[in-house]
Amino acid sequence: MKLRAPDERQSTKARVNWLMRQLQRTESPNAHIRMLWPGRAAYTQYRIGVLRDNPDIVSTDRAGQQVSSFEILLVKDLGARFGQRRNFISELETAVPEFYEQVGQHLKAWQPPAPRLREDKADPSTVNTEAIRDEAEEEAQEGTAAESASGALVASGEIFDPSKS
């Protein structure tokens, strides 16, 4: 499964901690996290248990870079069982539900936080149509007052300054 790293978190350690909080209940020793870096940089991969014990290990590999996305994998050594079709299919049929139970059901894609309401817009009377129109008119009047105070006029895209005529 692939998840985009949260944009609001600045450090790689914070991004890894965001993912590890989602995987707190994951006990599979075969689960790995692959960190994908910007550009053509090679990926970095660790077992979940290793990252849980030491999340700083990711930052030591790529100082100054931020992980862009994560891939969560289940790695199983099938060895000789891979040679026979029947064994491979039965292993696959047990691995997929195990991965979903251990990892997939706990993952949630990152979503940016909802925008915060400005203090001056918290009262319902400040966000009705009349209040918004009045605010726009005040901003327009302030803009024309500033232009006339400088003595410059804008006409057809050129600035006309009467003091230079």
Protein backbone atom coordinates (compact mmCIF):
# COMPACT_ATOMS: atom_id res chain seq x y z
CA MET A 1 0.00 0.00 0.00
CA LYS A 2 1.29 3.44 -0.82
CA LEU A 3 0.63 6.61 1.19
CA ARG A 4 1.73 10.14 0.46
CA ALA A 5 3.70 11.69 3.32
CA PRO A 6 1.96 14.60 5.08
CA ASP A 7 2.96 17.96 3.62
CA GLU A 8 2.39 19.86 6.85
CA ARG A 9 5.11 17.95 8.67
CA GLN A 10 8.53 19.39 7.90
CA SER A 11 10.96 16.77 9.15
CA THR A 12 11.30 13.21 7.96
CA LYS A 13 11.15 12.00 11.55
CA ALA A 14 7.77 13.70 12.04
CA ARG A 15 6.46 12.12 8.83
CA VAL A 16 7.64 8.68 9.92
CA ASN A 17 6.08 9.16 13.37
CA TRP A 18 2.76 10.06 11.69
CA LEU A 19 2.83 6.70 9.91
CA MET A 20 4.04 4.75 12.94
CA ARG A 21 1.14 6.07 15.05
CA GLN A 22 -1.20 4.43 12.53
CA LEU A 23 0.70 1.15 12.77
CA GLN A 24 0.80 0.87 16.57
CA ARG A 25 -1.17 -2.40 16.56
CA THR A 26 0.89 -4.00 13.78
CA GLU A 27 2.74 -7.02 15.12
CA SER A 28 3.87 -8.66 11.88
CA PRO A 29 7.65 -9.22 11.80
CA ASN A 30 7.43 -9.38 8.00
CA ALA A 31 5.98 -5.88 7.56
CA HIS A 32 8.34 -3.28 6.08
CA ILE A 33 8.13 0.42 5.36
CA ARG A 34 9.76 1.73 2.22
CA MET A 35 10.48 5.46 2.19
CA LEU A 36 10.42 7.11 -1.22
CA TRP A 37 12.45 10.28 -1.64
CA PRO A 38 12.01 13.19 -4.06
CA GLY A 39 13.58 12.99 -7.48
CA ARG A 40 15.41 9.89 -8.59
CA ALA A 41 16.87 9.07 -5.20
CA ALA A 42 16.87 5.41 -4.22
CA TYR A 43 14.32 4.29 -1.68
CA THR A 44 15.10 3.31 1.91
CA GLN A 45 13.42 0.31 3.55
CA TYR A 46 13.18 -0.82 7.19
CA ARG A 47 11.17 -3.33 9.17
CA ILE A 48 8.38 -1.76 11.18
CA GLY A 49 9.90 -3.06 14.42
CA VAL A 50 13.21 -1.34 13.66
CA LEU A 51 11.49 1.99 12.96
CA ARG A 52 9.34 1.63 16.05
CA ASP A 53 12.48 1.17 18.20
CA ASN A 54 14.52 3.90 16.50
CA PRO A 55 12.66 6.37 14.23
CA ASP A 56 15.79 8.55 14.04
CA ILE A 57 17.47 5.97 11.80
CA VAL A 58 15.68 7.41 8.74
CA SER A 59 17.11 10.91 9.22
CA THR A 60 20.68 9.65 9.38
CA ASP A 61 20.49 8.26 5.85
CA ARG A 62 19.20 11.39 4.14
CA ALA A 63 20.11 14.53 6.05
CA GLY A 64 18.31 17.56 4.63
CA GLN A 65 15.81 15.58 2.55
CA GLN A 66 12.16 14.92 3.30
CA VAL A 67 10.46 11.63 2.53
CA SER A 68 7.74 12.15 -0.09
CA SER A 69 5.75 8.92 0.29
CA PHE A 70 5.65 5.55 2.00
CA GLU A 71 5.04 2.04 0.74
CA ILE A 72 4.02 -0.51 3.34
CA LEU A 73 4.95 -4.06 2.34
CA LEU A 74 4.59 -7.59 3.61
CA VAL A 75 7.72 -9.57 2.77
CA LYS A 76 7.51 -13.35 3.03
CA ASP A 77 10.23 -15.83 2.16
CA LEU A 78 8.52 -18.57 0.20
CA GLY A 79 11.73 -20.38 -0.64
CA ALA A 80 10.98 -23.69 -2.36
CA ARG A 81 7.21 -23.17 -2.04
CA PHE A 82 7.40 -20.67 -4.90
CA GLY A 83 8.21 -23.48 -7.34
CA GLN A 84 4.77 -25.06 -7.26
CA ARG A 85 1.72 -23.18 -8.46
CA ARG A 86 -0.66 -24.69 -5.88
CA ASN A 87 1.61 -23.77 -2.95
CA PHE A 88 2.15 -20.27 -4.26
CA ILE A 89 -1.58 -19.64 -4.60
CA SER A 90 -2.34 -20.96 -1.12
CA GLU A 91 0.44 -18.78 0.37
CA LEU A 92 -0.89 -15.77 -1.48
CA GLU A 93 -4.42 -16.44 -0.27
CA THR A 94 -3.21 -16.41 3.33
CA ALA A 95 -0.79 -13.48 2.93
CA VAL A 96 -3.29 -10.96 1.54
CA PRO A 97 -5.84 -11.20 4.37
CA GLU A 98 -3.00 -11.26 6.92
CA PHE A 99 -1.54 -8.06 5.45
CA TYR A 100 -4.90 -6.32 5.46
CA GLU A 101 -5.63 -7.42 9.03
CA GLN A 102 -2.21 -6.42 10.35
CA VAL A 103 -1.57 -3.28 8.29
CA GLY A 104 -4.11 -2.20 5.68
CA GLN A 105 -7.13 -1.65 7.89
CA HIS A 106 -5.17 0.72 10.14
CA LEU A 107 -3.88 3.04 7.43
CA LYS A 108 -5.48 6.33 6.56
CA ALA A 109 -4.31 8.72 3.84
CA TRP A 110 -3.08 12.09 4.99
CA GLN A 111 -5.52 14.95 4.62
CA PRO A 112 -4.63 18.58 5.23
CA PRO A 113 -6.32 20.14 8.24
CA ALA A 114 -9.44 22.22 7.68
CA PRO A 115 -8.82 25.95 7.33
CA ARG A 116 -9.18 27.88 10.54
CA LEU A 117 -11.73 30.64 10.91
CA ARG A 118 -10.21 34.08 11.44
CA GLU A 119 -11.04 35.74 14.76
CA ASP A 120 -12.74 38.68 13.05
CA LYS A 121 -14.99 36.28 11.08
CA ALA A 122 -16.20 34.20 14.05
CA ASP A 123 -19.44 36.18 14.49
CA PRO A 124 -22.22 35.25 12.02
CA SER A 125 -23.04 38.92 11.42
CA THR A 126 -19.57 39.48 9.91
CA VAL A 127 -20.02 36.84 7.20
CA ASN A 128 -23.42 37.76 5.77
CA THR A 129 -23.64 39.27 2.28
CA GLU A 130 -24.06 42.86 3.48
CA ALA A 131 -20.99 42.70 5.72
CA ILE A 132 -18.89 41.20 2.93
CA ARG A 133 -20.11 43.87 0.46
CA ASP A 134 -19.34 46.66 2.95
CA GLU A 135 -15.85 45.24 3.56
CA ALA A 136 -15.16 45.08 -0.19
CA GLU A 137 -16.33 48.67 -0.66
CA GLU A 138 -14.08 49.84 2.21
CA GLU A 139 -11.08 48.07 0.66
CA ALA A 140 -11.85 49.66 -2.72
CA GLN A 141 -12.12 53.14 -1.17
CA GLU A 142 -8.83 52.63 0.69
CA GLY A 143 -7.18 51.59 -2.58
CA THR A 144 -8.38 54.68 -4.48
CA ALA A 145 -7.43 56.93 -1.57
CA ALA A 146 -3.89 55.56 -1.63
CA GLU A 147 -3.61 56.11 -5.38
CA SER A 148 -4.82 59.72 -5.20
CA ALA A 149 -2.49 60.43 -2.27
CA SER A 150 0.54 59.45 -4.35
CA GLY A 151 -0.63 61.63 -7.22
CA ALA A 152 -0.33 58.84 -9.74
CA LEU A 153 -3.13 57.65 -11.99
CA VAL A 154 -3.33 54.39 -13.86
CA ALA A 155 -4.69 54.74 -17.38
CA SER A 156 -4.57 52.04 -20.02
CA GLY A 157 -1.88 50.09 -18.21
CA GLU A 158 0.60 53.00 -17.92
CA ILE A 159 1.23 55.03 -14.81
CA PHE A 160 0.68 58.74 -15.37
CA ASP A 161 2.36 61.03 -12.86
CA PRO A 162 1.18 64.66 -13.19
CA SER A 163 4.30 66.02 -11.47
CA LYS A 164 6.45 64.77 -14.37
CA SER A 165 4.37 66.53 -17.09
